[in-house]
Each structure stands twice: as structure tokens, then as C-alpha cells.
């Protein structure tokens, strides 16, 4: 299982898929700010954000499985630490003033692509 997870997380396809999902998520967050789009496509955007969140959690879980049992490899990379914190925070119930902050952090994950 560890070898399989390591092969996945080390692959170019995995990195490209995560990058594409990050860009698509940022684009969808931008679309959500347009009232007409949010009204017309609100349910679709909600489903997309829910699915992308599930994929981000899976990404983080795979990174931990790939480093089992010594997770120092995950924590050694600054982007991994950043990703774990952002994904963990986004799992908290978003209410009130935390919603814009959560969206900002999700957009900041796009920096990883560049």
C-alpha cells in the first residue's frame, strides 16, 4: 500500500491533476463572486466545491500514506505543511467571517502551481 501510494504521489500525472484541480477551484471561486452565475449555477458550484474538497483530502491522505510510518517527509516540505493546514481549516464548518478567509487560503494554494 505504501509503495502504491508513493508511486501515485511521485507521478507527474498526480502533480498535474492536483494543479489542474487547484486552478479549476480558483476559477470556480471567481465565478461564485458573480451574482448571476452564483444564482444560476449555485448548486453545481456547491457540488464542485464539495467534490474538490474530497479530492484535496484524498491528496493529503495519499501523501501521508506514501510516507508511512515516518511522516517527517510530509512535514519537511513547506507546501505540504501549507496544504495540510488549508485543507484542515476548510473542513471546519465555515460560518460568518471565516468564509472569506477560507476562500482566500484556497486561492493561495494556486501559488503552488507557479
Protein backbone atom coordinates (compact mmCIF):
# COMPACT_ATOMS: atom_id res chain seq x y z
CA UNK A 1 0.00 0.00 0.00
CA UNK A 2 2.81 2.43 0.89
CA UNK A 3 4.67 1.67 -2.34
CA UNK A 4 1.49 2.15 -4.37
CA UNK A 5 0.73 5.48 -2.66
CA UNK A 6 4.32 6.63 -3.19
CA UNK A 7 4.14 5.76 -6.89
CA UNK A 8 0.95 7.78 -7.21
CA UNK A 9 2.18 10.85 -5.31
CA UNK A 10 5.53 10.87 -7.12
CA UNK A 11 3.94 10.72 -10.57
CA UNK A 12 3.75 13.68 -12.91
CA UNK A 13 0.09 12.86 -13.59
CA UNK A 14 -0.74 13.26 -9.89
CA UNK A 15 1.05 16.62 -9.69
CA UNK A 16 -0.64 17.80 -12.89
CA UNK A 17 -4.06 16.64 -11.70
CA UNK A 18 -3.71 18.46 -8.38
CA UNK A 19 -2.51 21.60 -10.19
CA UNK A 20 -5.48 21.48 -12.59
CA UNK A 21 -7.88 20.99 -9.70
CA UNK A 22 -6.35 23.97 -7.86
CA UNK A 23 -6.73 26.20 -10.92
CA UNK A 24 -10.29 24.98 -11.56
CA UNK A 25 -11.15 25.62 -7.92
CA UNK A 26 -9.77 29.17 -8.09
CA UNK A 27 -11.71 29.78 -11.31
CA UNK A 28 -14.92 28.47 -9.71
CA UNK A 29 -14.35 30.67 -6.65
CA UNK A 30 -14.08 33.63 -9.01
CA UNK A 31 -17.30 32.63 -10.78
CA UNK A 32 -19.04 32.35 -7.43
CA UNK A 33 -18.47 36.06 -6.83
CA UNK A 34 -20.64 36.96 -9.84
CA UNK A 35 -24.22 37.16 -8.57
CA UNK A 36 -25.86 35.99 -11.81
CA UNK A 37 -23.56 32.96 -12.04
CA UNK A 38 -23.93 32.14 -8.34
CA UNK A 39 -27.71 32.30 -8.66
CA UNK A 40 -27.87 30.22 -11.84
CA UNK A 41 -25.13 27.70 -11.05
CA UNK A 42 -25.11 27.75 -7.23
CA UNK A 43 -25.94 24.07 -6.81
CA UNK A 44 -23.39 22.98 -9.43
CA UNK A 45 -20.72 25.13 -7.78
CA UNK A 46 -21.60 23.68 -4.38
CA UNK A 47 -21.24 20.13 -5.73
CA UNK A 48 -17.95 21.04 -7.45
CA UNK A 49 -16.55 22.57 -4.23
CA UNK A 50 -17.67 19.53 -2.23
CA UNK A 51 -16.08 17.11 -4.73
CA UNK A 52 -12.87 19.13 -4.96
CA UNK A 53 -12.66 19.24 -1.15
CA UNK A 54 -12.98 15.45 -1.07
CA UNK A 55 -10.19 15.19 -3.67
CA UNK A 56 -7.96 17.56 -1.67
CA UNK A 57 -8.47 15.45 1.46
CA UNK A 58 -7.63 12.34 -0.58
CA UNK A 59 -4.49 14.06 -1.89
CA UNK A 60 -3.30 14.83 1.65
CA UNK A 61 -4.16 11.33 2.86
CA UNK A 62 -2.19 9.77 -0.02
CA UNK A 63 0.81 11.92 0.85
CA UNK A 64 0.71 10.65 4.44
CA UNK A 65 0.23 7.03 3.37
CA UNK A 66 3.18 7.35 0.98
CA UNK A 67 5.44 8.40 3.87
CA UNK A 68 4.18 5.80 6.35
CA UNK A 69 5.29 5.25 9.13
CA UNK A 70 7.67 8.23 9.28
CA UNK A 71 5.66 11.32 8.34
CA UNK A 72 8.62 13.68 8.59
CA UNK A 73 8.82 13.53 4.79
CA UNK A 74 5.40 15.15 4.54
CA UNK A 75 6.22 17.83 7.10
CA UNK A 76 9.63 18.56 5.57
CA UNK A 77 8.07 20.23 2.53
CA UNK A 78 6.66 23.73 3.21
CA UNK A 79 3.95 23.36 0.56
CA UNK A 80 2.76 20.12 2.15
CA UNK A 81 2.52 21.83 5.55
CA UNK A 82 0.62 24.72 3.96
CA UNK A 83 -1.71 22.31 2.13
CA UNK A 84 -2.44 20.28 5.28
CA UNK A 85 -3.32 23.42 7.24
CA UNK A 86 -5.54 24.83 4.46
CA UNK A 87 -7.36 21.55 3.88
CA UNK A 88 -7.82 21.02 7.62
CA UNK A 89 -9.19 24.55 8.08
CA UNK A 90 -11.53 24.12 5.15
CA UNK A 91 -13.04 21.07 6.84
CA UNK A 92 -14.20 23.20 9.75
CA UNK A 93 -17.75 24.46 9.46
CA UNK A 94 -17.41 27.76 7.63
CA UNK A 95 -19.60 30.40 9.17
CA UNK A 96 -19.73 34.14 9.31
CA UNK A 97 -16.45 35.97 8.96
CA UNK A 98 -14.39 32.81 8.34
CA UNK A 99 -15.85 32.18 4.87
CA UNK A 100 -13.82 34.87 3.02
CA UNK A 101 -10.65 33.81 4.82
CA UNK A 102 -11.19 30.17 3.82
CA UNK A 103 -11.71 31.21 0.20
CA UNK A 104 -8.56 33.33 0.26
CA UNK A 105 -6.49 30.43 1.57
CA UNK A 106 -7.92 28.09 -1.06
CA UNK A 107 -6.94 30.57 -3.75
CA UNK A 108 -3.45 30.85 -2.25
CA UNK A 109 -2.99 27.12 -2.87
CA UNK A 110 -2.89 28.03 -6.56
CA UNK A 111 0.54 29.57 -5.89
CA UNK A 112 1.81 26.03 -5.67
CA UNK A 113 1.19 25.65 -9.41
CA UNK A 114 3.54 28.51 -10.19
